[in-house]
Amino acid sequence: MKLIDKLIIKDFLKTYFFVVVMLILIVLVLDFTEKNDSYIRNSVPTMEILRYMGNYGLYLNNLLTPITVFISVIFITSKMAGRTEIIAILSSGISFVRLLRPFIFAAAMIGAVSFLLNSWVLPDATAGVTEFKAVYLDKGRAASENNTHIKVGEKSYVYMSRFYKRSNMGYNFTLETIDNGELLARLSSDRIEWDTAKNAWTLHNWRLRELNEKGETYTVGESLDTTLSISPDDFELPFNHHETLKLPELSRQIKILEARGADNVDYYKIERYVRFMSPFAAIILTFIGVIMSARKTRGGSGFQIALGFFLAFIYIILFILSRTFAENGADNPILAVWMPNIVFAVTGLILYKTVPR
């Protein structure tokens, strides 16, 4: 590695770290100002606030990576262009592709660290943020699950219209046994309750309908104990549970939900797609950033930095939209998740024809 490569990598990473810290501090100050009244009203301990801000800072680092990488590379490249360093490098016989190497190497380092954080560190931080909001900021809100469908056996399916986590009680419960599209039995009750002593479910006002070759039988009762392959823990998941799982845990959860035939398994699959897609954003945006700021301009680097902010925000908006499309049942969720990277990669290749040679 040549000296110029080491200098570019050092300046790139140093600038990236500075931009990350500054943006995170600004957002944390604004967030603290907004929530300060709630902290005082709920008597939140200082250490809990600091722990929350640390976890939220990690979350912001992952969210702002496209912006911070883009701004850092534009700042470094435009500064080199303003001092005619890029012209000197290209005039010495070094190709533009060779000039890109240290930038891409530094972006790959940032992407690798981002992948490790996103897969193993950030989930704990996200869980900490969720828990903090539930304990200190969302007090008194009744948590419940609505219209839940779960596969509990090879041929058995459970439906519950509403489940309350505090009382471990659900309403309008139905357990159906279906084989080859034919209904074999249906067990329903007005209310179902978890018995902590027996580790079993108790059905109240239950009705059992069984179908066979001779017809059907219908049985009713007031109380019935039964065991199912689910527990109240399966209903105590936050809305962003897929974001709080480390990568191995996420893969295991996907297998469990697929076995149950759960409706929300796509959210977990898309989260895994995103974790593998996100690191490549740093490389693509670095490629575009170097191309856009390699030419010397009279107005300095201010316009280029502002343009960098604008394009980085476009990337984030496009990423949010593509993820929303994927979660809402896109025909090809992998393509939908990768769409921002594809669009910006094609844009970078088009812009590559305009760079100084």
Protein backbone atom coordinates (compact mmCIF):
# COMPACT_ATOMS: atom_id res chain seq x y z
CA MET A 1 0.00 0.00 0.00
CA LYS A 2 1.44 3.35 -1.05
CA LEU A 3 1.77 6.37 1.19
CA ILE A 4 -1.01 8.21 -0.64
CA ASP A 5 -3.36 5.27 0.04
CA LYS A 6 -2.60 5.37 3.75
CA LEU A 7 -3.17 9.12 3.89
CA ILE A 8 -6.52 8.89 2.07
CA ILE A 9 -7.73 6.02 4.27
CA LYS A 10 -6.63 7.81 7.43
CA ASP A 11 -8.33 11.08 6.44
CA PHE A 12 -11.47 9.26 5.29
CA LEU A 13 -11.91 7.30 8.52
CA LYS A 14 -11.02 10.28 10.70
CA THR A 15 -13.53 12.51 8.93
CA TYR A 16 -16.16 9.77 9.03
CA PHE A 17 -15.73 9.34 12.78
CA PHE A 18 -15.96 13.12 13.34
CA VAL A 19 -19.13 13.47 11.24
CA VAL A 20 -20.74 10.47 12.97
CA VAL A 21 -20.04 11.82 16.45
CA MET A 22 -21.26 15.33 15.60
CA LEU A 23 -24.53 14.20 14.00
CA ILE A 24 -25.28 11.72 16.79
CA LEU A 25 -24.61 14.34 19.48
CA ILE A 26 -26.90 16.83 17.75
CA VAL A 27 -29.74 14.31 17.47
CA LEU A 28 -29.27 13.12 21.07
CA VAL A 29 -29.42 16.69 22.37
CA LEU A 30 -32.64 17.32 20.44
CA ASP A 31 -34.09 14.01 21.64
CA PHE A 32 -33.19 14.80 25.27
CA THR A 33 -34.78 18.25 25.00
CA GLU A 34 -37.97 16.75 23.61
CA LYS A 35 -38.25 14.04 26.29
CA ASN A 36 -36.93 16.00 29.28
CA ASP A 37 -40.41 16.74 30.63
CA SER A 38 -41.28 13.03 30.47
CA TYR A 39 -38.06 12.14 32.31
CA ILE A 40 -38.95 14.54 35.11
CA ARG A 41 -42.60 13.53 35.26
CA ASN A 42 -41.79 9.79 35.41
CA SER A 43 -38.75 10.20 37.73
CA VAL A 44 -36.45 8.36 35.33
CA PRO A 45 -33.05 7.52 36.96
CA THR A 46 -30.05 9.30 35.45
CA MET A 47 -28.22 6.06 34.70
CA GLU A 48 -31.23 4.74 32.77
CA ILE A 49 -31.30 7.92 30.68
CA LEU A 50 -27.59 7.61 29.92
CA ARG A 51 -28.00 3.94 29.02
CA TYR A 52 -30.90 4.82 26.73
CA MET A 53 -28.89 7.58 25.04
CA GLY A 54 -26.00 5.15 24.48
CA ASN A 55 -28.30 2.57 22.90
CA TYR A 56 -30.05 5.22 20.85
CA GLY A 57 -26.68 6.53 19.69
CA LEU A 58 -25.81 3.09 18.29
CA TYR A 59 -29.15 3.00 16.51
CA LEU A 60 -28.50 6.44 15.03
CA ASN A 61 -25.03 5.38 13.88
CA ASN A 62 -26.56 2.62 11.77
CA LEU A 63 -29.33 4.87 10.46
CA LEU A 64 -26.99 7.73 9.53
CA THR A 65 -24.23 5.63 7.95
CA PRO A 66 -25.24 6.53 4.34
CA ILE A 67 -25.18 10.24 5.20
CA THR A 68 -21.93 10.15 7.17
CA VAL A 69 -20.07 8.08 4.56
CA PHE A 70 -21.25 10.27 1.70
CA ILE A 71 -20.43 13.53 3.46
CA SER A 72 -17.02 12.25 4.55
CA VAL A 73 -15.93 11.14 1.09
CA ILE A 74 -17.18 14.34 -0.55
CA PHE A 75 -15.37 16.48 2.02
CA ILE A 76 -12.09 14.60 1.58
CA THR A 77 -12.24 14.39 -2.23
CA SER A 78 -13.33 18.00 -2.77
CA LYS A 79 -10.52 19.17 -0.48
CA MET A 80 -8.01 17.17 -2.53
CA ALA A 81 -9.48 18.56 -5.75
CA GLY A 82 -9.36 22.12 -4.43
CA ARG A 83 -5.63 21.75 -3.75
CA THR A 84 -5.16 20.21 -7.25
CA GLU A 85 -3.93 16.99 -5.63
CA ILE A 86 -6.20 14.85 -7.79
CA ILE A 87 -4.90 16.53 -10.95
CA ALA A 88 -1.33 15.83 -9.83
CA ILE A 89 -2.15 12.19 -9.05
CA LEU A 90 -3.82 11.61 -12.42
CA SER A 91 -1.02 13.46 -14.24
CA SER A 92 1.56 11.12 -12.68
CA GLY A 93 0.04 8.22 -14.58
CA ILE A 94 -2.27 6.84 -11.88
CA SER A 95 -5.67 5.94 -13.29
CA PHE A 96 -8.92 7.09 -11.73
CA VAL A 97 -9.77 3.47 -10.94
CA ARG A 98 -6.50 3.18 -9.02
CA LEU A 99 -7.31 6.42 -7.20
CA LEU A 100 -10.62 4.88 -6.09
CA ARG A 101 -8.89 1.94 -4.39
CA PRO A 102 -8.16 3.53 -0.96
CA PHE A 103 -11.64 5.09 -0.85
CA ILE A 104 -13.31 1.75 -1.61
CA PHE A 105 -11.05 -0.02 0.90
CA ALA A 106 -12.01 2.42 3.67
CA ALA A 107 -15.70 2.15 2.70
CA ALA A 108 -15.43 -1.65 2.85
CA MET A 109 -13.99 -1.37 6.37
CA ILE A 110 -16.91 0.84 7.41
CA GLY A 111 -19.36 -1.57 5.76
CA ALA A 112 -17.83 -4.59 7.54
CA VAL A 113 -17.99 -2.87 10.92
CA SER A 114 -21.56 -1.77 10.16
CA PHE A 115 -22.52 -5.37 9.35
CA LEU A 116 -21.04 -6.65 12.63
CA LEU A 117 -22.77 -3.92 14.62
CA ASN A 118 -26.07 -4.42 12.81
CA SER A 119 -26.00 -8.19 13.26
CA TRP A 120 -24.69 -8.61 16.81
CA VAL A 121 -24.55 -5.29 18.72
CA LEU A 122 -27.39 -3.12 17.44
CA PRO A 123 -30.16 -5.66 18.24
CA ASP A 124 -29.34 -5.40 21.97
CA ALA A 125 -29.28 -1.61 21.69
CA THR A 126 -32.64 -1.60 19.89
CA ALA A 127 -34.10 -3.89 22.56
CA GLY A 128 -32.78 -1.50 25.23
CA VAL A 129 -34.43 1.49 23.53
CA THR A 130 -37.73 -0.40 23.21
CA GLU A 131 -37.65 -1.52 26.84
CA PHE A 132 -36.82 1.99 28.07
CA LYS A 133 -39.77 3.50 26.18
CA ALA A 134 -42.12 0.77 27.44
CA VAL A 135 -41.06 1.17 31.09
CA TYR A 136 -40.63 4.92 31.41
CA LEU A 137 -42.35 6.68 28.51
CA ASP A 138 -45.36 4.49 27.62
CA LYS A 139 -46.69 3.80 31.09
CA GLY A 140 -50.31 2.83 31.37
CA ARG A 141 -50.73 1.68 27.80
CA ALA A 142 -52.53 -1.62 27.56
CA ALA A 143 -50.54 -3.95 25.39
CA SER A 144 -52.43 -6.51 23.40
CA GLU A 145 -52.22 -8.64 20.28
CA ASN A 146 -55.02 -8.47 17.72
CA ASN A 147 -56.22 -11.13 15.26
CA THR A 148 -53.37 -13.59 15.82
CA HIS A 149 -52.96 -16.66 13.60
CA ILE A 150 -50.42 -19.31 14.62
CA LYS A 151 -49.67 -22.79 13.35
CA VAL A 152 -49.25 -25.02 16.42
CA GLY A 153 -48.98 -28.42 14.77
CA GLU A 154 -48.66 -30.17 11.46
CA LYS A 155 -52.42 -29.89 10.91
CA SER A 156 -53.46 -27.55 13.73
CA TYR A 157 -54.01 -23.78 13.55
CA VAL A 158 -54.89 -21.30 16.30
CA TYR A 159 -56.76 -18.04 15.96
CA MET A 160 -57.30 -15.48 18.71
CA SER A 161 -59.03 -12.15 18.17
CA ARG A 162 -57.33 -10.45 21.11
CA PHE A 163 -54.72 -11.32 23.72
CA TYR A 164 -53.88 -9.22 26.77
CA LYS A 165 -50.35 -9.71 28.04
CA ARG A 166 -50.86 -8.34 31.53
CA SER A 167 -53.60 -10.82 32.41
CA ASN A 168 -52.39 -13.66 30.11
CA MET A 169 -55.91 -13.87 28.76
CA GLY A 170 -57.25 -14.14 25.22
CA TYR A 171 -60.70 -13.91 23.66
CA ASN A 172 -62.52 -15.60 20.77
CA PHE A 173 -60.14 -18.55 20.64
CA THR A 174 -60.33 -21.16 17.88
CA LEU A 175 -58.22 -24.29 17.32
CA GLU A 176 -58.83 -25.96 13.96
CA THR A 177 -57.50 -29.28 12.68
CA ILE A 178 -57.30 -29.32 8.89
CA ASP A 179 -56.08 -32.12 6.64
CA ASN A 180 -55.79 -31.69 2.85
CA GLY A 181 -58.05 -28.68 2.98
CA GLU A 182 -60.78 -30.49 4.93
CA LEU A 183 -61.83 -29.42 8.41
CA LEU A 184 -61.60 -32.35 10.85
CA ALA A 185 -62.26 -30.61 14.16
CA ARG A 186 -62.83 -27.16 15.60
CA LEU A 187 -62.35 -26.28 19.26
CA SER A 188 -63.50 -22.79 20.19
CA SER A 189 -64.07 -20.81 23.37
CA ASP A 190 -65.10 -17.34 24.44
CA ARG A 191 -62.02 -16.94 26.62
CA ILE A 192 -58.66 -18.67 27.08
CA GLU A 193 -56.35 -18.17 30.07
CA TRP A 194 -52.79 -19.25 30.84
CA ASP A 195 -52.46 -21.27 34.08
CA THR A 196 -48.99 -20.59 35.47
CA ALA A 197 -49.23 -23.46 37.97
CA LYS A 198 -50.01 -26.09 35.35
CA ASN A 199 -48.14 -24.43 32.46
CA ALA A 200 -51.24 -25.07 30.38
CA TRP A 201 -54.14 -23.19 28.88
CA THR A 202 -57.65 -23.16 30.32
CA LEU A 203 -60.60 -22.70 27.98
CA HIS A 204 -63.80 -21.13 29.31
CA ASN A 205 -67.20 -21.74 27.69
CA TRP A 206 -65.71 -24.11 25.11
CA ARG A 207 -67.31 -25.87 22.16
CA LEU A 208 -65.86 -28.82 20.25
CA ARG A 209 -67.12 -29.83 16.82
CA GLU A 210 -65.67 -33.04 15.31
CA LEU A 211 -66.40 -34.19 11.76
CA ASN A 212 -66.12 -37.82 10.61
CA GLU A 213 -67.53 -40.16 7.99
CA LYS A 214 -70.72 -40.77 9.99
CA GLY A 215 -71.41 -37.09 10.48
CA GLU A 216 -70.34 -34.83 13.29
CA THR A 217 -70.34 -34.63 17.08
CA TYR A 218 -70.79 -31.49 19.09
CA THR A 219 -69.59 -31.14 22.71
CA VAL A 220 -69.71 -28.15 25.05
CA GLY A 221 -68.40 -27.38 28.51
CA GLU A 222 -67.56 -24.63 30.96
CA SER A 223 -63.84 -25.26 31.56
CA LEU A 224 -61.20 -27.35 29.78
CA ASP A 225 -57.43 -27.61 30.28
CA THR A 226 -55.33 -28.10 27.16
CA THR A 227 -51.69 -27.87 26.09
CA LEU A 228 -50.52 -25.99 23.02
CA SER A 229 -47.08 -25.38 21.54
CA ILE A 230 -47.38 -21.70 22.41
CA SER A 231 -47.12 -19.71 25.63
CA PRO A 232 -47.75 -16.09 26.65
CA ASP A 233 -44.12 -15.34 25.74
CA ASP A 234 -45.11 -15.70 22.09
CA PHE A 235 -47.47 -12.77 22.52
CA GLU A 236 -45.08 -10.52 24.45
CA LEU A 237 -43.07 -9.51 21.41
CA PRO A 238 -42.62 -5.80 20.65
CA PHE A 239 -43.72 -4.51 17.27
CA ASN A 240 -40.04 -4.30 16.22
CA HIS A 241 -39.07 -7.71 17.59
CA HIS A 242 -37.31 -8.61 14.33
CA GLU A 243 -34.94 -5.69 14.89
CA THR A 244 -33.97 -6.88 18.39
CA LEU A 245 -32.66 -10.30 17.34
CA LYS A 246 -29.03 -11.05 16.58
CA LEU A 247 -28.39 -12.66 13.22
CA PRO A 248 -28.33 -16.31 14.45
CA GLU A 249 -31.43 -15.69 16.59
CA LEU A 250 -33.13 -14.06 13.61
CA SER A 251 -32.50 -17.13 11.45
CA ARG A 252 -33.87 -19.45 14.16
CA GLN A 253 -36.96 -17.28 14.61
CA ILE A 254 -37.64 -17.41 10.87
CA LYS A 255 -37.59 -21.23 10.98
CA ILE A 256 -39.97 -21.27 13.95
CA LEU A 257 -42.42 -18.88 12.33
CA GLU A 258 -42.30 -20.77 9.03
CA ALA A 259 -43.09 -24.01 10.88
CA ARG A 260 -46.05 -22.33 12.54
CA GLY A 261 -47.26 -20.68 9.35
CA ALA A 262 -47.17 -17.27 11.05
CA ASP A 263 -48.39 -14.24 9.13
CA ASN A 264 -45.50 -11.98 10.15
CA VAL A 265 -42.60 -14.17 9.01
CA ASP A 266 -41.94 -11.82 6.07
CA TYR A 267 -40.91 -9.04 8.47
CA TYR A 268 -38.14 -11.26 9.85
CA LYS A 269 -36.99 -12.35 6.39
CA ILE A 270 -36.84 -8.76 5.17
CA GLU A 271 -34.83 -7.76 8.25
CA ARG A 272 -32.26 -10.43 7.35
CA TYR A 273 -32.14 -9.23 3.75
CA VAL A 274 -31.56 -5.66 4.95
CA ARG A 275 -28.67 -6.65 7.21
CA PHE A 276 -26.81 -8.19 4.27
CA MET A 277 -27.71 -5.32 1.93
CA SER A 278 -26.83 -2.33 4.11
CA PRO A 279 -23.00 -2.68 4.15
CA PHE A 280 -22.84 -2.36 0.35
CA ALA A 281 -24.43 1.10 0.61
CA ALA A 282 -21.17 2.50 2.02
CA ILE A 283 -19.20 1.26 -1.00
CA ILE A 284 -21.73 2.47 -3.59
CA LEU A 285 -22.12 5.91 -2.02
CA THR A 286 -18.35 6.25 -1.72
CA PHE A 287 -18.00 5.48 -5.42
CA ILE A 288 -20.56 8.16 -6.30
CA GLY A 289 -19.08 10.65 -3.83
CA VAL A 290 -15.58 10.44 -5.29
CA ILE A 291 -16.93 10.86 -8.82
CA MET A 292 -19.03 13.90 -7.91
CA SER A 293 -16.31 15.77 -6.01
CA ALA A 294 -13.16 14.86 -7.98
CA ARG A 295 -13.48 17.91 -10.24
CA LYS A 296 -12.17 21.24 -8.94
CA THR A 297 -14.82 23.96 -8.68
CA ARG A 298 -14.52 27.69 -8.12
CA GLY A 299 -17.18 27.80 -5.45
CA GLY A 300 -15.31 25.44 -3.13
CA SER A 301 -16.71 22.33 -1.49
CA GLY A 302 -19.80 23.87 0.13
CA PHE A 303 -22.13 23.10 -2.77
CA GLN A 304 -20.77 19.57 -3.10
CA ILE A 305 -21.28 18.87 0.61
CA ALA A 306 -24.86 20.22 0.40
CA LEU A 307 -25.46 18.04 -2.65
CA GLY A 308 -24.03 15.11 -0.71
CA PHE A 309 -26.55 15.66 2.08
CA PHE A 310 -29.34 15.86 -0.48
CA LEU A 311 -28.41 12.63 -2.26
CA ALA A 312 -27.82 10.79 1.02
CA PHE A 313 -31.30 11.78 2.21
CA ILE A 314 -32.72 10.59 -1.10
CA TYR A 315 -31.02 7.24 -0.51
CA ILE A 316 -32.51 6.95 2.99
CA ILE A 317 -36.00 7.86 1.74
CA LEU A 318 -35.67 5.35 -1.10
CA PHE A 319 -34.50 2.72 1.37
CA ILE A 320 -37.48 3.34 3.68
CA LEU A 321 -39.91 3.19 0.75
CA SER A 322 -38.39 0.01 -0.66
CA ARG A 323 -38.55 -1.69 2.74
CA THR A 324 -42.17 -0.63 3.11
CA PHE A 325 -43.01 -2.08 -0.30
CA ALA A 326 -41.25 -5.32 0.65
CA GLU A 327 -43.14 -5.60 3.96
CA ASN A 328 -46.46 -4.86 2.25
CA GLY A 329 -46.18 -7.96 0.10
CA ALA A 330 -43.99 -7.12 -2.88
CA ASP A 331 -43.71 -9.93 -5.42
CA ASN A 332 -39.94 -10.03 -4.98
CA PRO A 333 -38.96 -8.70 -1.51
CA ILE A 334 -35.24 -9.24 -2.11
CA LEU A 335 -35.35 -7.06 -5.22
CA ALA A 336 -37.41 -4.45 -3.37
CA VAL A 337 -34.89 -4.30 -0.50
CA TRP A 338 -31.93 -4.06 -2.90
CA MET A 339 -33.58 -1.44 -5.12
CA PRO A 340 -31.81 1.61 -3.51
CA ASN A 341 -28.39 0.02 -4.03
CA ILE A 342 -29.27 -0.97 -7.59
CA VAL A 343 -30.52 2.53 -8.47
CA PHE A 344 -27.50 4.28 -6.96
CA ALA A 345 -25.05 1.76 -8.46
CA VAL A 346 -26.44 2.41 -11.95
CA THR A 347 -26.33 6.16 -11.26
CA GLY A 348 -22.68 5.84 -10.24
CA LEU A 349 -21.79 3.98 -13.43
CA ILE A 350 -23.45 6.70 -15.50
CA LEU A 351 -21.63 9.45 -13.59
CA TYR A 352 -18.34 7.58 -14.00
CA LYS A 353 -18.22 8.69 -17.64
CA THR A 354 -18.03 12.33 -16.52
CA VAL A 355 -14.98 12.08 -14.23
CA PRO A 356 -11.71 13.81 -15.19
CA ARG A 357 -9.16 11.49 -16.75
